[in-house]
Structure formats: structure tokens, C-alpha cells
C-alpha atoms as a PDB file:
ATOM      1  CA  MET A   1      99.329 -40.265  77.499  1.00  0.00           C
ATOM      2  CA  ARG A   2      99.791 -43.313  74.846  1.00  0.00           C
ATOM      3  CA  VAL A   3     103.520 -44.240  75.780  1.00  0.00           C
ATOM      4  CA  LEU A   4     104.966 -46.971  73.338  1.00  0.00           C
ATOM      5  CA  VAL A   5     108.119 -48.371  75.320  1.00  0.00           C
ATOM      6  CA  THR A   6     110.611 -50.454  72.916  1.00  0.00           C
ATOM      7  CA  GLY A   7     112.721 -53.367  74.829  1.00  0.00           C
ATOM      8  CA  SER A   8     110.069 -53.440  77.292  1.00  0.00           C
ATOM      9  CA  GLU A   9     111.151 -56.810  78.484  1.00  0.00           C
ATOM     10  CA  GLY A  10     114.816 -55.350  79.068  1.00  0.00           C
ATOM     11  CA  PHE A  11     115.846 -54.009  82.353  1.00  0.00           C
ATOM     12  CA  ILE A  12     115.379 -50.164  81.437  1.00  0.00           C
ATOM     13  CA  GLY A  13     112.238 -50.785  79.494  1.00  0.00           C
ATOM     14  CA  ARG A  14     110.407 -52.804  81.926  1.00  0.00           C
ATOM     15  CA  HIS A  15     110.865 -50.270  85.143  1.00  0.00           C
ATOM     16  CA  PHE A  16     109.730 -47.215  82.313  1.00  0.00           C
ATOM     17  CA  ALA A  17     106.620 -49.536  81.212  1.00  0.00           C
ATOM     18  CA  THR A  18     105.855 -50.188  84.825  1.00  0.00           C
ATOM     19  CA  HIS A  19     106.367 -46.235  85.773  1.00  0.00           C
ATOM     20  CA  PHE A  20     103.809 -45.436  83.371  1.00  0.00           C
ATOM     21  CA  GLU A  21     101.480 -47.765  83.937  1.00  0.00           C
ATOM     22  CA  GLN A  22     101.154 -47.012  87.382  1.00  0.00           C
ATOM     23  CA  HIS A  23     100.726 -43.396  86.801  1.00  0.00           C
ATOM     24  CA  GLY A  24      97.602 -44.193  84.719  1.00  0.00           C
ATOM     25  CA  HIS A  25      98.760 -44.143  81.331  1.00  0.00           C
ATOM     26  CA  ARG A  26      98.135 -46.229  78.521  1.00  0.00           C
ATOM     27  CA  VAL A  27     101.605 -48.010  77.634  1.00  0.00           C
ATOM     28  CA  LYS A  28     102.409 -50.232  74.583  1.00  0.00           C
ATOM     29  CA  ARG A  29     104.828 -52.800  75.102  1.00  0.00           C
ATOM     30  CA  VAL A  30     106.855 -53.934  72.447  1.00  0.00           C
ATOM     31  CA  ASP A  31     109.658 -56.462  72.783  1.00  0.00           C
ATOM     32  CA  ILE A  32     111.430 -59.245  70.698  1.00  0.00           C
ATOM     33  CA  ARG A  33     111.096 -61.592  74.007  1.00  0.00           C
ATOM     34  CA  ASP A  34     107.548 -60.557  74.502  1.00  0.00           C
ATOM     35  CA  PRO A  35     105.831 -63.687  75.524  1.00  0.00           C
ATOM     36  CA  ASP A  36     102.454 -62.204  74.889  1.00  0.00           C
ATOM     37  CA  TYR A  37     103.107 -62.938  71.231  1.00  0.00           C
ATOM     38  CA  GLY A  38     103.967 -66.487  71.000  1.00  0.00           C
ATOM     39  CA  ARG A  39     106.722 -65.697  68.753  1.00  0.00           C
ATOM     40  CA  ARG A  40     109.545 -63.333  67.670  1.00  0.00           C
ATOM     41  CA  PHE A  41     108.410 -59.761  66.869  1.00  0.00           C
ATOM     42  CA  ASP A  42     110.913 -57.822  65.875  1.00  0.00           C
ATOM     43  CA  CYS A  43     110.053 -54.013  66.702  1.00  0.00           C
ATOM     44  CA  ARG A  44     111.873 -52.990  63.025  1.00  0.00           C
ATOM     45  CA  ILE A  45     108.445 -54.772  61.346  1.00  0.00           C
ATOM     46  CA  GLY A  46     106.273 -52.214  63.469  1.00  0.00           C
ATOM     47  CA  PHE A  47     108.445 -49.353  62.398  1.00  0.00           C
ATOM     48  CA  ILE A  48     108.548 -50.614  58.686  1.00  0.00           C
ATOM     49  CA  ARG A  49     104.824 -50.986  58.969  1.00  0.00           C
ATOM     50  CA  GLU A  50     104.068 -47.702  60.655  1.00  0.00           C
ATOM     51  CA  ALA A  51     102.672 -49.239  63.233  1.00  0.00           C
ATOM     52  CA  TRP A  52     101.736 -47.444  66.702  1.00  0.00           C
ATOM     53  CA  ARG A  53     100.618 -44.189  65.223  1.00  0.00           C
ATOM     54  CA  ASN A  54      99.557 -41.288  67.326  1.00  0.00           C
ATOM     55  CA  ALA A  55     102.108 -42.108  70.067  1.00  0.00           C
ATOM     56  CA  ASP A  56     102.779 -39.264  72.692  1.00  0.00           C
ATOM     57  CA  LEU A  57     106.050 -40.577  73.941  1.00  0.00           C
ATOM     58  CA  VAL A  58     108.307 -43.367  72.835  1.00  0.00           C
ATOM     59  CA  ILE A  59     110.371 -44.859  75.499  1.00  0.00           C
ATOM     60  CA  HIS A  60     113.107 -46.477  72.865  1.00  0.00           C
ATOM     61  CA  ALA A  61     114.654 -49.036  75.101  1.00  0.00           C
ATOM     62  CA  ALA A  62     115.313 -51.601  72.642  1.00  0.00           C
ATOM     63  CA  ALA A  63     118.869 -52.637  71.925  1.00  0.00           C
ATOM     64  CA  THR A  64     121.208 -55.727  71.581  1.00  0.00           C
ATOM     65  CA  ILE A  65     123.526 -55.518  74.590  1.00  0.00           C
ATOM     66  CA  PRO A  66     125.478 -58.952  74.792  1.00  0.00           C
ATOM     67  CA  PRO A  67     127.888 -59.237  77.906  1.00  0.00           C
ATOM     68  CA  ILE A  68     131.106 -57.582  78.182  1.00  0.00           C
ATOM     69  CA  ASP A  69     133.166 -60.642  77.287  1.00  0.00           C
ATOM     70  CA  GLU A  70     130.868 -61.538  74.285  1.00  0.00           C
ATOM     71  CA  ARG A  71     131.242 -57.803  72.820  1.00  0.00           C
ATOM     72  CA  GLU A  72     135.037 -57.969  73.171  1.00  0.00           C
ATOM     73  CA  ARG A  73     135.130 -61.028  71.353  1.00  0.00           C
ATOM     74  CA  ASN A  74     132.829 -59.906  68.313  1.00  0.00           C
ATOM     75  CA  GLN A  75     132.199 -55.991  67.915  1.00  0.00           C
ATOM     76  CA  LEU A  76     129.326 -56.865  65.506  1.00  0.00           C
ATOM     77  CA  ALA A  77     127.492 -58.353  68.302  1.00  0.00           C
ATOM     78  CA  VAL A  78     125.763 -54.525  68.787  1.00  0.00           C
ATOM     79  CA  ALA A  79     125.960 -53.717  64.963  1.00  0.00           C
ATOM     80  CA  ASN A  80     122.188 -54.577  65.295  1.00  0.00           C
ATOM     81  CA  ASP A  81     121.431 -51.731  67.179  1.00  0.00           C
ATOM     82  CA  LEU A  82     122.273 -49.474  64.103  1.00  0.00           C
ATOM     83  CA  ALA A  83     119.770 -50.703  62.191  1.00  0.00           C
ATOM     84  CA  ILE A  84     117.048 -50.953  65.729  1.00  0.00           C
ATOM     85  CA  ASP A  85     117.577 -47.174  65.998  1.00  0.00           C
ATOM     86  CA  ALA A  86     117.512 -46.263  62.072  1.00  0.00           C
ATOM     87  CA  ALA A  87     113.995 -48.101  62.060  1.00  0.00           C
ATOM     88  CA  MET A  88     112.852 -46.100  64.691  1.00  0.00           C
ATOM     89  CA  PHE A  89     114.285 -42.781  63.741  1.00  0.00           C
ATOM     90  CA  GLN A  90     112.600 -43.162  60.134  1.00  0.00           C
ATOM     91  CA  TRP A  91     109.207 -43.783  61.248  1.00  0.00           C
ATOM     92  CA  ALA A  92     109.436 -41.060  64.019  1.00  0.00           C
ATOM     93  CA  ALA A  93     109.923 -39.137  60.938  1.00  0.00           C
ATOM     94  CA  ALA A  94     106.896 -40.162  59.067  1.00  0.00           C
ATOM     95  CA  THR A  95     104.457 -40.462  62.322  1.00  0.00           C
ATOM     96  CA  LYS A  96     105.403 -37.769  64.162  1.00  0.00           C
ATOM     97  CA  PRO A  97     105.062 -38.781  67.852  1.00  0.00           C
ATOM     98  CA  ASP A  98     105.162 -35.934  70.373  1.00  0.00           C
ATOM     99  CA  LYS A  99     108.251 -36.979  72.128  1.00  0.00           C
ATOM    100  CA  ILE A 100     110.794 -39.310  72.076  1.00  0.00           C
ATOM    101  CA  VAL A 101     113.433 -40.297  74.727  1.00  0.00           C
ATOM    102  CA  TYR A 102     116.569 -41.933  73.039  1.00  0.00           C
ATOM    103  CA  PHE A 103     118.923 -44.038  75.624  1.00  0.00           C
ATOM    104  CA  SER A 104     122.385 -43.193  74.451  1.00  0.00           C
ATOM    105  CA  SER A 105     125.422 -44.208  76.727  1.00  0.00           C
ATOM    106  CA  SER A 106     128.594 -43.712  78.779  1.00  0.00           C
ATOM    107  CA  ALA A 107     130.277 -45.396  76.081  1.00  0.00           C
ATOM    108  CA  ALA A 108     129.747 -42.622  73.397  1.00  0.00           C
ATOM    109  CA  TYR A 109     132.058 -40.546  75.189  1.00  0.00           C
ATOM    110  CA  PRO A 110     135.784 -40.753  73.436  1.00  0.00           C
ATOM    111  CA  ALA A 111     137.723 -43.430  75.514  1.00  0.00           C
ATOM    112  CA  HIS A 112     140.834 -41.266  75.724  1.00  0.00           C
ATOM    113  CA  LEU A 113     138.723 -39.160  78.272  1.00  0.00           C
ATOM    114  CA  GLN A 114     137.838 -41.603  80.447  1.00  0.00           C
ATOM    115  CA  GLN A 115     140.903 -41.429  82.615  1.00  0.00           C
ATOM    116  CA  PRO A 116     141.528 -41.446  86.583  1.00  0.00           C
ATOM    117  CA  LYS A 117     139.653 -38.035  88.207  1.00  0.00           C
ATOM    118  CA  HIS A 118     138.347 -36.714  84.726  1.00  0.00           C
ATOM    119  CA  LYS A 119     134.508 -36.850  85.371  1.00  0.00           C
ATOM    120  CA  LEU A 120     132.513 -37.044  82.331  1.00  0.00           C
ATOM    121  CA  THR A 121     130.601 -33.498  81.160  1.00  0.00           C
ATOM    122  CA  GLU A 122     128.065 -33.118  78.338  1.00  0.00           C
ATOM    123  CA  ASP A 123     130.521 -31.135  76.424  1.00  0.00           C
ATOM    124  CA  ASP A 124     133.185 -33.689  76.187  1.00  0.00           C
ATOM    125  CA  LEU A 125     131.324 -35.114  73.365  1.00  0.00           C
ATOM    126  CA  ASN A 126     131.200 -33.108  70.316  1.00  0.00           C
ATOM    127  CA  LEU A 127     128.619 -34.414  67.792  1.00  0.00           C
ATOM    128  CA  ASP A 128     130.485 -32.596  64.908  1.00  0.00           C
ATOM    129  CA  MET A 129     134.194 -33.468  65.807  1.00  0.00           C
ATOM    130  CA  PHE A 130     133.673 -36.964  67.489  1.00  0.00           C
ATOM    131  CA  THR A 131     136.577 -39.874  68.102  1.00  0.00           C
ATOM    132  CA  ASN A 132     137.274 -43.086  69.703  1.00  0.00           C
ATOM    133  CA  PRO A 133     134.096 -43.936  71.470  1.00  0.00           C
ATOM    134  CA  ASP A 134     134.175 -47.254  73.521  1.00  0.00           C
ATOM    135  CA  ALA A 135     133.867 -49.671  71.157  1.00  0.00           C
ATOM    136  CA  MET A 136     131.330 -50.472  68.578  1.00  0.00           C
ATOM    137  CA  TYR A 137     128.823 -49.911  71.116  1.00  0.00           C
ATOM    138  CA  GLY A 138     129.849 -46.160  71.886  1.00  0.00           C
ATOM    139  CA  LEU A 139     129.519 -46.024  68.384  1.00  0.00           C
ATOM    140  CA  THR A 140     126.348 -47.182  67.824  1.00  0.00           C
ATOM    141  CA  LYS A 141     124.842 -44.526  70.628  1.00  0.00           C
ATOM    142  CA  LEU A 142     126.570 -41.872  68.690  1.00  0.00           C
ATOM    143  CA  VAL A 143     125.161 -42.334  65.654  1.00  0.00           C
ATOM    144  CA  GLY A 144     122.015 -42.227  67.458  1.00  0.00           C
ATOM    145  CA  GLU A 145     122.246 -39.408  68.876  1.00  0.00           C
ATOM    146  CA  LEU A 146     123.288 -37.837  65.296  1.00  0.00           C
ATOM    147  CA  GLN A 147     120.064 -39.540  64.237  1.00  0.00           C
ATOM    148  CA  ALA A 148     118.602 -37.629  67.243  1.00  0.00           C
ATOM    149  CA  ARG A 149     119.495 -34.189  65.857  1.00  0.00           C
ATOM    150  CA  GLU A 150     118.369 -34.199  62.626  1.00  0.00           C
ATOM    151  CA  LEU A 151     114.741 -35.816  63.993  1.00  0.00           C
ATOM    152  CA  ARG A 152     114.685 -32.758  66.038  1.00  0.00           C
ATOM    153  CA  LYS A 153     115.138 -30.428  62.516  1.00  0.00           C
ATOM    154  CA  LEU A 154     111.843 -32.090  61.286  1.00  0.00           C
ATOM    155  CA  GLY A 155     109.959 -31.019  64.316  1.00  0.00           C
ATOM    156  CA  VAL A 156     109.927 -34.140  66.369  1.00  0.00           C
ATOM    157  CA  GLU A 157     111.166 -33.239  70.234  1.00  0.00           C
ATOM    158  CA  VAL A 158     113.805 -35.797  71.490  1.00  0.00           C
ATOM    159  CA  LEU A 159     115.367 -36.025  75.076  1.00  0.00           C
ATOM    160  CA  VAL A 160     119.010 -37.996  74.757  1.00  0.00           C
ATOM    161  CA  VAL A 161     120.068 -38.927  77.826  1.00  0.00           C
ATOM    162  CA  ARG A 162     123.337 -40.763  78.439  1.00  0.00           C
ATOM    163  CA  PRO A 163     123.111 -43.036  81.500  1.00  0.00           C
ATOM    164  CA  PHE A 164     125.874 -44.325  83.207  1.00  0.00           C
ATOM    165  CA  SER A 165     126.306 -48.065  85.050  1.00  0.00           C
ATOM    166  CA  GLY A 166     122.652 -48.811  85.728  1.00  0.00           C
ATOM    167  CA  TYR A 167     121.663 -51.347  88.271  1.00  0.00           C
ATOM    168  CA  GLY A 168     118.682 -52.929  90.227  1.00  0.00           C
ATOM    169  CA  GLU A 169     117.409 -55.315  91.989  1.00  0.00           C
ATOM    170  CA  ASP A 170     116.145 -57.299  89.039  1.00  0.00           C
ATOM    171  CA  GLN A 171     118.814 -57.093  86.459  1.00  0.00           C
ATOM    172  CA  ASP A 172     120.802 -59.813  84.464  1.00  0.00           C
ATOM    173  CA  ALA A 173     123.258 -61.710  86.574  1.00  0.00           C
ATOM    174  CA  SER A 174     125.847 -60.656  83.256  1.00  0.00           C
ATOM    175  CA  TYR A 175     126.170 -57.454  84.907  1.00  0.00           C
ATOM    176  CA  PRO A 176     128.953 -56.807  87.301  1.00  0.00           C
ATOM    177  CA  PHE A 177     126.193 -55.508  90.234  1.00  0.00           C
ATOM    178  CA  PRO A 178     123.742 -58.488  90.260  1.00  0.00           C
ATOM    179  CA  ALA A 179     126.779 -61.191  89.968  1.00  0.00           C
ATOM    180  CA  MET A 180     128.513 -59.584  92.936  1.00  0.00           C
ATOM    181  CA  ILE A 181     124.990 -60.325  94.749  1.00  0.00           C
ATOM    182  CA  ASP A 182     124.471 -63.410  93.710  1.00  0.00           C
ATOM    183  CA  ARG A 183     128.264 -64.724  94.174  1.00  0.00           C
ATOM    184  CA  ALA A 184     127.817 -63.109  98.094  1.00  0.00           C
ATOM    185  CA  LEU A 185     124.438 -64.654  98.581  1.00  0.00           C
ATOM    186  CA  CYS A 186     125.787 -68.210  97.800  1.00  0.00           C
ATOM    187  CA  ASN A 187     129.007 -67.797 100.171  1.00  0.00           C
ATOM    188  CA  GLN A 188     131.519 -68.091  96.945  1.00  0.00           C
ATOM    189  CA  ASP A 189     135.228 -68.301  97.953  1.00  0.00           C
ATOM    190  CA  PRO A 190     137.301 -67.030  96.677  1.00  0.00           C
ATOM    191  CA  PHE A 191     135.636 -64.027  95.405  1.00  0.00           C
ATOM    192  CA  PRO A 192     135.895 -63.380  91.559  1.00  0.00           C
ATOM    193  CA  ILE A 193     136.573 -60.150  90.756  1.00  0.00           C
ATOM    194  CA  TRP A 194     137.004 -59.281  87.223  1.00  0.00           C
ATOM    195  CA  GLY A 195     140.263 -56.976  86.028  1.00  0.00           C
ATOM    196  CA  SER A 196     142.304 -55.701  88.593  1.00  0.00           C
ATOM    197  CA  GLY A 197     139.466 -54.365  90.749  1.00  0.00           C
ATOM    198  CA  HIS A 198     140.390 -50.905  90.512  1.00  0.00           C
ATOM    199  CA  GLN A 199     138.422 -49.788  87.730  1.00  0.00           C
ATOM    200  CA  VAL A 200     136.104 -47.299  88.354  1.00  0.00           C
ATOM    201  CA  ARG A 201     132.682 -46.961  87.658  1.00  0.00           C
ATOM    202  CA  ASP A 202     129.354 -44.763  88.362  1.00  0.00           C
ATOM    203  CA  PHE A 203     126.649 -47.037  89.969  1.00  0.00           C
ATOM    204  CA  VAL A 204     123.094 -45.543  89.287  1.00  0.00           C
ATOM    205  CA  HIS A 205     120.097 -47.225  90.559  1.00  0.00           C
ATOM    206  CA  VAL A 206     117.105 -47.552  87.870  1.00  0.00           C
ATOM    207  CA  ASP A 207     114.789 -46.217  90.282  1.00  0.00           C
ATOM    208  CA  ASP A 208     117.023 -42.724  89.635  1.00  0.00           C
ATOM    209  CA  ILE A 209     117.253 -43.229  86.057  1.00  0.00           C
ATOM    210  CA  VAL A 210     113.012 -43.453  85.706  1.00  0.00           C
ATOM    211  CA  GLY A 211     113.029 -40.381  88.230  1.00  0.00           C
ATOM    212  CA  SER A 212     115.215 -37.987  86.494  1.00  0.00           C
ATOM    213  CA  VAL A 213     113.838 -38.973  82.866  1.00  0.00           C
ATOM    214  CA  GLN A 214     110.834 -38.597  84.459  1.00  0.00           C
ATOM    215  CA  ALA A 215     111.894 -35.228  85.787  1.00  0.00           C
ATOM    216  CA  LEU A 216     113.528 -33.974  82.101  1.00  0.00           C
ATOM    217  CA  LEU A 217     110.473 -34.727  80.432  1.00  0.00           C
ATOM    218  CA  ASP A 218     108.256 -32.909  82.851  1.00  0.00           C
ATOM    219  CA  ALA A 219     110.787 -29.741  82.352  1.00  0.00           C
ATOM    220  CA  GLY A 220     110.717 -30.168  78.475  1.00  0.00           C
ATOM    221  CA  ALA A 221     114.430 -30.773  78.281  1.00  0.00           C
ATOM    222  CA  GLU A 222     116.035 -31.879  75.391  1.00  0.00           C
ATOM    223  CA  GLY A 223     119.492 -32.939  76.508  1.00  0.00           C
ATOM    224  CA  PRO A 224     122.046 -34.488  76.350  1.00  0.00           C
ATOM    225  CA  VAL A 225     121.726 -35.399  79.771  1.00  0.00           C
ATOM    226  CA  ASN A 226     124.295 -37.847  82.181  1.00  0.00           C
ATOM    227  CA  ILE A 227     122.784 -39.649  84.232  1.00  0.00           C
ATOM    228  CA  GLY A 228     124.732 -40.982  87.220  1.00  0.00           C
ATOM    229  CA  THR A 229     125.724 -39.998  90.973  1.00  0.00           C
ATOM    230  CA  GLY A 230     129.241 -38.520  90.492  1.00  0.00           C
ATOM    231  CA  VAL A 231     130.447 -41.029  93.030  1.00  0.00           C
ATOM    232  CA  PRO A 232     133.254 -43.266  91.411  1.00  0.00           C
ATOM    233  CA  ILE A 233     133.485 -46.547  92.931  1.00  0.00           C
ATOM    234  CA  THR A 234     136.188 -49.590  92.276  1.00  0.00           C
ATOM    235  CA  MET A 235     134.967 -53.000  91.877  1.00  0.00           C
ATOM    236  CA  PHE A 236     137.170 -53.504  94.687  1.00  0.00           C
ATOM    237  CA  GLU A 237     134.950 -51.212  96.915  1.00  0.00           C
ATOM    238  CA  LEU A 238     131.748 -52.533  95.228  1.00  0.00           C
ATOM    239  CA  ALA A 239     132.773 -56.185  96.180  1.00  0.00           C
ATOM    240  CA  HIS A 240     133.723 -54.958  99.428  1.00  0.00           C
ATOM    241  CA  GLN A 241     130.356 -53.239 100.401  1.00  0.00           C
ATOM    242  CA  VAL A 242     128.443 -56.248  98.938  1.00  0.00           C
ATOM    243  CA  CYS A 243     130.333 -58.886 100.861  1.00  0.00           C
ATOM    244  CA  LEU A 244     129.883 -56.371 104.016  1.00  0.00           C
ATOM    245  CA  ALA A 245     126.170 -56.350 103.436  1.00  0.00           C
ATOM    246  CA  ALA A 246     125.808 -59.724 103.148  1.00  0.00           C
ATOM    247  CA  ASP A 247     128.098 -60.676 106.189  1.00  0.00           C
ATOM    248  CA  HIS A 248     130.344 -62.760 103.453  1.00  0.00           C
ATOM    249  CA  LYS A 249     134.196 -62.761 104.446  1.00  0.00           C
ATOM    250  CA  PRO A 250     135.785 -64.289 101.089  1.00  0.00           C
ATOM    251  CA  GLN A 251     139.342 -64.284  99.887  1.00  0.00           C
ATOM    252  CA  TRP A 252     139.730 -62.163  96.859  1.00  0.00           C
ATOM    253  CA  LYS A 253     140.739 -63.646  93.614  1.00  0.00           C
ATOM    254  CA  VAL A 254     141.215 -61.014  90.535  1.00  0.00           C
ATOM    255  CA  HIS A 255     140.993 -62.176  87.071  1.00  0.00           C
ATOM    256  CA  GLU A 256     143.102 -59.392  85.020  1.00  0.00           C
ATOM    257  CA  ASP A 257     142.925 -61.631  81.646  1.00  0.00           C
ATOM    258  CA  LYS A 258     138.879 -60.800  81.799  1.00  0.00           C
ATOM    259  CA  PRO A 259     137.439 -57.917  79.815  1.00  0.00           C
ATOM    260  CA  VAL A 260     136.585 -54.869  81.775  1.00  0.00           C
ATOM    261  CA  GLY A 261     136.306 -51.816  79.510  1.00  0.00           C
ATOM    262  CA  VAL A 262     137.746 -48.435  80.506  1.00  0.00           C
ATOM    263  CA  GLN A 263     139.771 -48.118  83.346  1.00  0.00           C
ATOM    264  CA  TYR A 264     137.708 -44.815  84.497  1.00  0.00           C
ATOM    265  CA  ARG A 265     134.503 -43.765  83.831  1.00  0.00           C
ATOM    266  CA  CYS A 266     132.219 -41.289  86.465  1.00  0.00           C
ATOM    267  CA  ALA A 267     129.828 -38.842  85.488  1.00  0.00           C
ATOM    268  CA  ASP A 268     129.607 -34.899  85.920  1.00  0.00           C
ATOM    269  CA  ILE A 269     126.263 -34.498  86.970  1.00  0.00           C
ATOM    270  CA  SER A 270     125.682 -30.780  87.368  1.00  0.00           C
ATOM    271  CA  LEU A 271     123.448 -30.758  84.346  1.00  0.00           C
ATOM    272  CA  MET A 272     121.311 -33.547  85.419  1.00  0.00           C
ATOM    273  CA  GLU A 273     121.038 -32.097  89.027  1.00  0.00           C
ATOM    274  CA  CYS A 274     119.600 -28.637  87.872  1.00  0.00           C
ATOM    275  CA  TYR A 275     116.467 -31.040  87.305  1.00  0.00           C
ATOM    276  CA  TYR A 276     116.569 -33.921  89.551  1.00  0.00           C
ATOM    277  CA  THR A 277     118.979 -35.620  92.631  1.00  0.00           C
ATOM    278  CA  PRO A 278     119.517 -39.180  92.757  1.00  0.00           C
ATOM    279  CA  THR A 279     117.569 -40.773  95.951  1.00  0.00           C
ATOM    280  CA  VAL A 280     119.165 -44.060  95.966  1.00  0.00           C
ATOM    281  CA  THR A 281     122.544 -44.867  97.746  1.00  0.00           C
ATOM    282  CA  LEU A 282     124.757 -47.537  96.595  1.00  0.00           C
ATOM    283  CA  GLU A 283     124.556 -48.749 100.287  1.00  0.00           C
ATOM    284  CA  GLU A 284     120.691 -48.825  99.768  1.00  0.00           C
ATOM    285  CA  GLY A 285     120.414 -50.487  96.629  1.00  0.00           C
ATOM    286  CA  ILE A 286     122.772 -53.428  97.792  1.00  0.00           C
ATOM    287  CA  VAL A 287     120.334 -53.818 100.475  1.00  0.00           C
ATOM    288  CA  ARG A 288     117.645 -54.079  98.247  1.00  0.00           C
ATOM    289  CA  ALA A 289     118.920 -56.394  95.782  1.00  0.00           C
ATOM    290  CA  LEU A 290     120.055 -58.795  98.813  1.00  0.00           C
ATOM    291  CA  LYS A 291     116.860 -58.923 100.192  1.00  0.00           C
ATOM    292  CA  ALA A 292     114.848 -59.364  96.375  1.00  0.00           C
ATOM    293  CA  ARG A 293     117.485 -62.186  95.585  1.00  0.00           C
ATOM    294  CA  ARG A 294     117.082 -64.233  98.880  1.00  0.00           C
ATOM    295  CA  ARG A 295     113.473 -64.615  98.053  1.00  0.00           C
END
């Protein structure tokens, strides 16, 4: 296949680009940070010029996602994602690629539903009557899903997925998982934990994000489909597992003044498991990350 990957230098994009290259497909990587261009090349330029015609598959992973503290200080930091997505969908309406994968987010779900014990199902989000997504970032993903629905009416297949807290060995240290890995490796003591430590997330390894999307593509699904593990993990539990695997025994220091987002976010993966079952446990993911970041 001819595969276009936008945001190919980002965490999700580069894993998908590598995946399709390893399976023998022709991959066009596009990213504003791509060193091969020698300059900043915004994917919107290509979309406006209607470049990259005849794509069999588009993996649209281009987005601006600053660290959570920056997003909370300035919600407009992610507003650019609206323009990136709009350019992609307009380009797709004109060039008619065979299939698009649009990465929405668990942040698109109503914030008031993200409460203890409630696992989010795809039906918890109604595109005809949506309310209160998680901040501006969640709103941008809602708008993207609405555009995906309109594009389907024009005959273009779109798979919408809603990943939960993706992680992996090569993730940027501004995210909680790699930050904790690095703190354990340098024996940081006391060990800082943002928020109360009781906030819950559903951590899914990037290999399972790639594997589940491939399975959904093979099945011809259009989604939306949650991508997660269905396992709720508190930040205290994550920190404890990381430090245990690293043989580090620190004191904990909570920073309740730091931004943490919603208090509870976990996926109901019943629909996902019709196509794919996660293979990488959090314990295995921690061991892999410790080995990789020790090098």
C-alpha cells in the first residue's frame, strides 16, 4: 500500500510509520520536525496544495499536544489542531484516499462521566448532543470526529479510534510514564508525584495501539473504538511498580498544586476485544522501558 503518515516524528506516528515499512508498504512520512526537509514543513501546506494523491491509507497523527501544565495555563496551545484536522479532511474530500485513521482521544468524553468506577464506553459520547469534553484538547477531537462523519458521507472510509493513556519506551519525558521511569533510573528521592497520586488512568502500550488499529483496519471497522486495557491504575500504583522494577525505594512526595486533569479515566474495551486483545502488560512495559532508557 501507499501509506501517508502525518506527524511521523511524534510518538504515535513514528511507530505506525515503522510498522507499515516493516510490512513492506511504501510510507510517506510527513512531520514539521522532519530533519530530512532541512526546514519546517507543515503538513497543512501539502494538504492545501493537494499533494500526496492516490494514498491507499492515511494515518493522521499530526497534532500539537503540549505538556499538561502548559495546556492548563493556555488552552489555546492546542487550538492549532483544529486547523490541522480541517486541512486534512478538506484534502481528503478532494483527493479521496481509500482509508483514513483518525486518532481521537479519551479526552473527547464528557468530563462529568470520568468518575470512579465508571469505565467509558463508546456510547458515552453522542456526537449529536455532546457536552463538556475534557478541556480544549477534548473539544478539538470532538470536532475531528464530526468532520470524520461528514467525510464518510462523501464516500471516504474513516476509522476513528479513541486511545487512552498510550505509553512506551521512546515516549517524551513530559508524559507521566517516561517521567517516572527516568526518576527511578536516577534514584530520585523523594520521588515526586503530581496531584494526590490517586488519580486513575488506563495505560496502553504503543505496540497494542498499533496492533489494535491494524486489526480494526483488517476487519474494515469504522469505529469509534476505545483503545485501552480496561485496567485502572493510580499514579501511586504506577510509581510503586516502576520503583519496584528499578529496585529503587524512595519516599513519596505529592505535589497537589500540579495539574492532573480528570480524576478517573478508564476504558471499557468490550468493543475493541471483538477485534484485538492487548498483549503488553504494564509490568512488561515498565521492564522494557527501564532496559531501553538505561542504554
